[in-house]
Amino acid sequence: QVQLVESGGGLVQAGGSLRLSCAASGRTFSTYGMGWFRQAPGKEREFVVGISRGGGNTYYADSMKGRFTISRDNAKNMVYLQMNSLKPEDTAVYYCAATGSIIPGPRARYDYWGQGTQVTVSS
């Protein structure tokens, strides 16, 4: 079992940057693909990006390419989401999640979820 805790959210002006972190418990972290999702008020949760177990492969939603970067540090049981050039439409609760799927994309089954961290981008 994996427990996930996100941090790093907050209020930022449009054009600014934030780095989200996701801390995972357990000794099997490196056996999970990891993903970031977000959910804006009144909208469905959407996939942002995923990263493979070893970090060698990443899978971005088309709309997230270029501004968001995912990375992981298996020695520290951490996953990160660097977000640049933020826009008001990026305002959402951001979640990290773990999947046993080899390809941590939008169609994978994610078995473990964090509680989320709020990101608010002001115009």
Protein backbone atom coordinates (compact mmCIF):
# COMPACT_ATOMS: atom_id res chain seq x y z
CA GLN A 1 0.00 0.00 0.00
CA VAL A 2 1.11 3.53 -0.75
CA GLN A 3 0.13 6.72 1.03
CA LEU A 4 0.52 9.98 -0.85
CA VAL A 5 0.71 13.52 0.48
CA GLU A 6 0.83 16.52 -1.82
CA SER A 7 2.23 19.92 -0.94
CA GLY A 8 3.36 23.10 -2.60
CA GLY A 9 0.06 24.54 -3.72
CA GLY A 10 -0.90 28.13 -3.14
CA LEU A 11 -1.88 31.42 -4.68
CA VAL A 12 0.19 32.73 -7.57
CA GLN A 13 -0.24 35.43 -10.18
CA ALA A 14 -0.71 34.60 -13.82
CA GLY A 15 2.63 33.94 -15.44
CA GLY A 16 4.14 32.68 -12.23
CA SER A 17 5.44 29.26 -11.27
CA LEU A 18 4.80 26.66 -8.62
CA ARG A 19 6.41 23.36 -7.80
CA LEU A 20 4.16 20.70 -6.35
CA SER A 21 5.56 17.81 -4.38
CA CYS A 22 4.11 14.43 -3.60
CA ALA A 23 5.62 12.39 -0.79
CA ALA A 24 4.97 8.66 -0.86
CA SER A 25 5.22 6.20 1.98
CA GLY A 26 6.21 2.59 1.64
CA ARG A 27 9.18 0.69 0.33
CA THR A 28 7.56 -0.18 -3.01
CA PHE A 29 7.35 3.33 -4.42
CA SER A 30 9.62 2.54 -7.34
CA THR A 31 7.24 -0.19 -8.51
CA TYR A 32 4.49 2.34 -9.22
CA GLY A 33 3.94 4.65 -12.09
CA MET A 34 2.88 8.05 -10.85
CA GLY A 35 0.49 10.61 -12.21
CA TRP A 36 -0.75 14.10 -11.55
CA PHE A 37 -4.39 14.99 -12.02
CA ARG A 38 -6.37 18.13 -11.40
CA GLN A 39 -9.97 19.06 -10.78
CA ALA A 40 -11.33 22.54 -11.20
CA PRO A 41 -14.59 23.65 -9.57
CA GLY A 42 -17.57 22.28 -11.42
CA LYS A 43 -15.42 20.22 -13.77
CA GLU A 44 -14.38 16.61 -14.03
CA ARG A 45 -10.99 15.49 -12.87
CA GLU A 46 -8.48 15.53 -15.70
CA PHE A 47 -5.16 13.87 -16.29
CA VAL A 48 -2.17 16.18 -16.34
CA VAL A 49 0.92 14.00 -16.69
CA GLY A 50 2.35 10.62 -15.75
CA ILE A 51 5.82 9.26 -15.18
CA SER A 52 7.02 5.68 -15.39
CA ARG A 53 8.44 3.69 -12.51
CA GLY A 54 12.04 4.49 -13.27
CA GLY A 55 11.31 8.01 -14.48
CA GLY A 56 12.48 7.32 -18.01
CA ASN A 57 9.14 7.89 -19.70
CA THR A 58 6.61 10.65 -19.29
CA TYR A 59 3.11 11.04 -20.64
CA TYR A 60 1.62 14.50 -20.93
CA ALA A 61 -1.89 15.56 -21.72
CA ASP A 62 -1.63 17.56 -24.92
CA SER A 63 -2.73 20.77 -23.26
CA MET A 64 -0.06 20.47 -20.57
CA LYS A 65 2.95 20.05 -22.78
CA GLY A 66 5.52 22.79 -22.61
CA ARG A 67 4.51 24.41 -19.33
CA PHE A 68 4.42 21.48 -16.90
CA THR A 69 7.26 19.10 -16.08
CA ILE A 70 7.02 15.94 -14.00
CA SER A 71 9.95 14.30 -12.28
CA ARG A 72 10.54 11.76 -9.55
CA ASP A 73 13.22 10.81 -7.07
CA ASN A 74 12.85 7.19 -6.10
CA ALA A 75 15.56 7.46 -3.45
CA LYS A 76 13.41 10.03 -1.66
CA ASN A 77 9.99 8.59 -2.56
CA MET A 78 9.05 11.89 -4.16
CA VAL A 79 7.27 13.06 -7.28
CA TYR A 80 7.28 16.65 -8.44
CA LEU A 81 5.28 18.80 -10.79
CA GLN A 82 6.94 21.97 -11.97
CA MET A 83 4.36 24.38 -13.37
CA ASN A 84 5.46 27.46 -15.29
CA SER A 85 3.63 30.27 -17.05
CA LEU A 86 0.55 29.56 -14.99
CA LYS A 87 -2.83 30.73 -16.22
CA PRO A 88 -6.07 31.38 -14.34
CA GLU A 89 -7.52 28.29 -16.01
CA ASP A 90 -4.89 26.19 -14.22
CA THR A 91 -6.73 26.88 -10.97
CA ALA A 92 -7.70 23.51 -9.51
CA VAL A 93 -7.02 20.98 -6.83
CA TYR A 94 -4.02 18.94 -7.92
CA TYR A 95 -3.73 15.29 -6.97
CA CYS A 96 -0.94 12.79 -7.27
CA ALA A 97 -1.79 9.15 -7.76
CA ALA A 98 -0.04 5.80 -8.05
CA THR A 99 -0.70 3.07 -10.58
CA GLY A 100 0.60 -0.43 -11.09
CA SER A 101 0.24 0.05 -14.83
CA ILE A 102 3.39 0.05 -16.89
CA ILE A 103 2.10 3.08 -18.75
CA PRO A 104 0.89 5.73 -16.30
CA GLY A 105 -1.34 7.50 -18.75
CA PRO A 106 -4.87 8.82 -18.54
CA ARG A 107 -6.43 5.38 -19.03
CA ALA A 108 -4.42 3.56 -16.38
CA ARG A 109 -6.07 2.50 -13.17
CA TYR A 110 -4.75 4.54 -10.29
CA ASP A 111 -5.14 2.71 -7.01
CA TYR A 112 -3.79 5.28 -4.57
CA TRP A 113 -4.54 8.97 -4.33
CA GLY A 114 -3.39 11.86 -2.24
CA GLN A 115 -5.73 14.37 -0.62
CA GLY A 116 -4.88 17.10 -3.10
CA THR A 117 -3.34 20.54 -2.94
CA GLN A 118 -5.07 23.73 -4.06
CA VAL A 119 -3.52 25.84 -6.77
CA THR A 120 -5.07 29.22 -7.42
CA VAL A 121 -3.86 31.45 -10.23
CA SER A 122 -5.01 35.06 -10.14
CA SER A 123 -5.31 37.20 -13.24
